Amino acid sequence: MHHREIEIKTYQNDITEFWYATAKHPKEQGLTLKSHADYPTEKAAQEYMCKWLDTILDECSACGGTGKIYRWLNDDTPQKCDWCKGTGSIQNTLVQHGGNKHTISNGAKA
């Protein structure tokens, strides 16, 4: 199965018969994501991994998904991130640059 062009592999434990999913990390080369929970079906394991991949791919790189920007070292009053509008996610965020408006969806860049 593929989700957003990333292959998700599933396997079943022979003893417990629970399902697990793995996928290559979309941003960190050489790392693999693994589900650690026991899923009763293959579909449930795949759905978990799809959600996890969406979270990683849509995370705002400006604030690291926190929705807050610290302007200087030891800043006690962080500001709302301008890029993601404080949501921590770039999915379906309207951004404006150079007089043009773009809707960013599914991790695409404007």
C-alpha atoms as a PDB file:
ATOM      1  CA  MET A   1       0.000   0.000   0.000  1.00  0.00           C
ATOM      2  CA  HIS A   2       1.148   3.565  -0.732  1.00  0.00           C
ATOM      3  CA  HIS A   3       0.082   6.739   1.045  1.00  0.00           C
ATOM      4  CA  ARG A   4       1.141  10.047  -0.470  1.00  0.00           C
ATOM      5  CA  GLU A   5       3.747   8.172  -2.518  1.00  0.00           C
ATOM      6  CA  ILE A   6       5.258   6.481   0.556  1.00  0.00           C
ATOM      7  CA  GLU A   7       5.143   2.707   0.768  1.00  0.00           C
ATOM      8  CA  ILE A   8       3.558   1.245   3.886  1.00  0.00           C
ATOM      9  CA  LYS A   9       4.431  -2.353   4.675  1.00  0.00           C
ATOM     10  CA  THR A  10       2.438  -4.469   7.104  1.00  0.00           C
ATOM     11  CA  TYR A  11       3.221  -7.699   8.885  1.00  0.00           C
ATOM     12  CA  GLN A  12       1.430  -9.980  11.278  1.00  0.00           C
ATOM     13  CA  ASN A  13       2.951 -11.485  14.410  1.00  0.00           C
ATOM     14  CA  ASP A  14       2.730 -15.276  14.102  1.00  0.00           C
ATOM     15  CA  ILE A  15       2.085 -15.799  17.799  1.00  0.00           C
ATOM     16  CA  THR A  16      -0.262 -12.952  18.763  1.00  0.00           C
ATOM     17  CA  GLU A  17      -1.765 -12.514  15.271  1.00  0.00           C
ATOM     18  CA  PHE A  18      -1.723  -8.717  15.743  1.00  0.00           C
ATOM     19  CA  TRP A  19      -0.826  -6.451  12.828  1.00  0.00           C
ATOM     20  CA  TYR A  20       1.945  -3.834  12.604  1.00  0.00           C
ATOM     21  CA  ALA A  21       2.977  -1.291   9.964  1.00  0.00           C
ATOM     22  CA  THR A  22       6.290   0.210   8.870  1.00  0.00           C
ATOM     23  CA  ALA A  23       7.229   3.016   6.474  1.00  0.00           C
ATOM     24  CA  LYS A  24      10.343   4.981   5.595  1.00  0.00           C
ATOM     25  CA  HIS A  25      10.459   8.320   7.379  1.00  0.00           C
ATOM     26  CA  PRO A  26       9.474  10.963   4.806  1.00  0.00           C
ATOM     27  CA  LYS A  27      11.880  13.627   6.085  1.00  0.00           C
ATOM     28  CA  GLU A  28      14.748  11.783   7.792  1.00  0.00           C
ATOM     29  CA  GLN A  29      16.752   9.664   5.371  1.00  0.00           C
ATOM     30  CA  GLY A  30      17.523   6.184   6.662  1.00  0.00           C
ATOM     31  CA  LEU A  31      14.933   6.197   9.464  1.00  0.00           C
ATOM     32  CA  THR A  32      11.959   3.849   9.565  1.00  0.00           C
ATOM     33  CA  LEU A  33       8.636   4.464  11.300  1.00  0.00           C
ATOM     34  CA  LYS A  34       7.151   1.453  13.099  1.00  0.00           C
ATOM     35  CA  SER A  35       3.794   1.065  14.767  1.00  0.00           C
ATOM     36  CA  HIS A  36       4.221  -0.268  18.291  1.00  0.00           C
ATOM     37  CA  ALA A  37       0.596  -0.824  19.182  1.00  0.00           C
ATOM     38  CA  ASP A  38      -1.184  -4.110  18.556  1.00  0.00           C
ATOM     39  CA  TYR A  39      -3.726  -3.746  15.757  1.00  0.00           C
ATOM     40  CA  PRO A  40      -6.424  -6.383  15.280  1.00  0.00           C
ATOM     41  CA  THR A  41      -6.545  -5.920  11.484  1.00  0.00           C
ATOM     42  CA  GLU A  42      -4.139  -5.043   8.721  1.00  0.00           C
ATOM     43  CA  LYS A  43      -6.344  -2.098   7.731  1.00  0.00           C
ATOM     44  CA  ALA A  44      -6.177  -0.628  11.265  1.00  0.00           C
ATOM     45  CA  ALA A  45      -2.350  -0.776  11.199  1.00  0.00           C
ATOM     46  CA  GLN A  46      -2.312   0.902   7.778  1.00  0.00           C
ATOM     47  CA  GLU A  47      -4.693   3.659   8.906  1.00  0.00           C
ATOM     48  CA  TYR A  48      -2.487   4.392  11.925  1.00  0.00           C
ATOM     49  CA  MET A  49       0.583   4.750   9.705  1.00  0.00           C
ATOM     50  CA  CYS A  50      -1.298   6.965   7.214  1.00  0.00           C
ATOM     51  CA  LYS A  51      -2.255   9.355  10.020  1.00  0.00           C
ATOM     52  CA  TRP A  52       1.316   9.398  11.352  1.00  0.00           C
ATOM     53  CA  LEU A  53       2.723  10.138   7.873  1.00  0.00           C
ATOM     54  CA  ASP A  54       0.191  12.952   7.393  1.00  0.00           C
ATOM     55  CA  THR A  55       1.248  14.501  10.683  1.00  0.00           C
ATOM     56  CA  ILE A  56       4.928  14.415   9.721  1.00  0.00           C
ATOM     57  CA  LEU A  57       4.412  15.648   6.160  1.00  0.00           C
ATOM     58  CA  ASP A  58       2.091  18.478   7.134  1.00  0.00           C
ATOM     59  CA  GLU A  59       4.097  19.699  10.134  1.00  0.00           C
ATOM     60  CA  CYS A  60       5.124  23.325   9.822  1.00  0.00           C
ATOM     61  CA  SER A  61       8.898  23.472   9.434  1.00  0.00           C
ATOM     62  CA  ALA A  62       9.087  27.048  10.707  1.00  0.00           C
ATOM     63  CA  CYS A  63       7.818  26.230  14.214  1.00  0.00           C
ATOM     64  CA  GLY A  64       8.336  22.456  14.309  1.00  0.00           C
ATOM     65  CA  GLY A  65       4.614  21.856  14.686  1.00  0.00           C
ATOM     66  CA  THR A  66       4.259  23.847  17.903  1.00  0.00           C
ATOM     67  CA  GLY A  67       2.463  26.830  16.359  1.00  0.00           C
ATOM     68  CA  LYS A  68       4.792  29.163  18.268  1.00  0.00           C
ATOM     69  CA  ILE A  69       7.935  31.043  17.277  1.00  0.00           C
ATOM     70  CA  TYR A  70      10.552  32.106  19.776  1.00  0.00           C
ATOM     71  CA  ARG A  71      12.165  35.348  18.603  1.00  0.00           C
ATOM     72  CA  TRP A  72      15.339  35.107  20.691  1.00  0.00           C
ATOM     73  CA  LEU A  73      17.117  32.832  23.156  1.00  0.00           C
ATOM     74  CA  ASN A  74      15.265  32.477  26.495  1.00  0.00           C
ATOM     75  CA  ASP A  75      12.160  34.159  25.006  1.00  0.00           C
ATOM     76  CA  ASP A  76       9.368  33.789  27.602  1.00  0.00           C
ATOM     77  CA  THR A  77       6.632  35.126  25.312  1.00  0.00           C
ATOM     78  CA  PRO A  78       6.625  33.208  22.044  1.00  0.00           C
ATOM     79  CA  GLN A  79       4.647  34.627  19.131  1.00  0.00           C
ATOM     80  CA  LYS A  80       2.113  32.793  17.000  1.00  0.00           C
ATOM     81  CA  CYS A  81       3.843  31.286  13.966  1.00  0.00           C
ATOM     82  CA  ASP A  82       3.162  33.396  10.874  1.00  0.00           C
ATOM     83  CA  TRP A  83       3.660  30.509   8.449  1.00  0.00           C
ATOM     84  CA  CYS A  84       1.049  28.086   9.848  1.00  0.00           C
ATOM     85  CA  LYS A  85      -1.105  30.705  11.616  1.00  0.00           C
ATOM     86  CA  GLY A  86      -0.418  29.004  14.958  1.00  0.00           C
ATOM     87  CA  THR A  87      -1.868  25.624  13.957  1.00  0.00           C
ATOM     88  CA  GLY A  88       1.424  23.735  13.706  1.00  0.00           C
ATOM     89  CA  SER A  89       0.334  22.269  10.366  1.00  0.00           C
ATOM     90  CA  ILE A  90       0.781  23.625   6.862  1.00  0.00           C
ATOM     91  CA  GLN A  91      -2.130  21.619   5.474  1.00  0.00           C
ATOM     92  CA  ASN A  92      -4.718  23.858   3.816  1.00  0.00           C
ATOM     93  CA  THR A  93      -3.020  27.036   5.057  1.00  0.00           C
ATOM     94  CA  LEU A  94      -3.493  30.193   3.008  1.00  0.00           C
ATOM     95  CA  VAL A  95      -0.193  32.032   2.633  1.00  0.00           C
ATOM     96  CA  GLN A  96       0.610  35.253   0.848  1.00  0.00           C
ATOM     97  CA  HIS A  97       3.938  36.223  -0.642  1.00  0.00           C
ATOM     98  CA  GLY A  98       4.855  38.541  -3.470  1.00  0.00           C
ATOM     99  CA  GLY A  99       1.247  39.698  -3.823  1.00  0.00           C
ATOM    100  CA  ASN A 100       0.059  36.182  -4.700  1.00  0.00           C
ATOM    101  CA  LYS A 101      -2.077  33.904  -2.551  1.00  0.00           C
ATOM    102  CA  HIS A 102      -1.496  30.165  -2.501  1.00  0.00           C
ATOM    103  CA  THR A 103      -3.260  27.390  -0.651  1.00  0.00           C
ATOM    104  CA  ILE A 104      -0.792  24.859   0.631  1.00  0.00           C
ATOM    105  CA  SER A 105      -2.221  21.389   0.911  1.00  0.00           C
ATOM    106  CA  ASN A 106      -0.692  17.989   1.641  1.00  0.00           C
ATOM    107  CA  GLY A 107       2.787  19.333   2.302  1.00  0.00           C
ATOM    108  CA  ALA A 108       3.218  21.122  -1.037  1.00  0.00           C
ATOM    109  CA  LYS A 109       5.306  24.271  -1.082  1.00  0.00           C
ATOM    110  CA  ALA A 110       4.099  27.608  -2.466  1.00  0.00           C
END
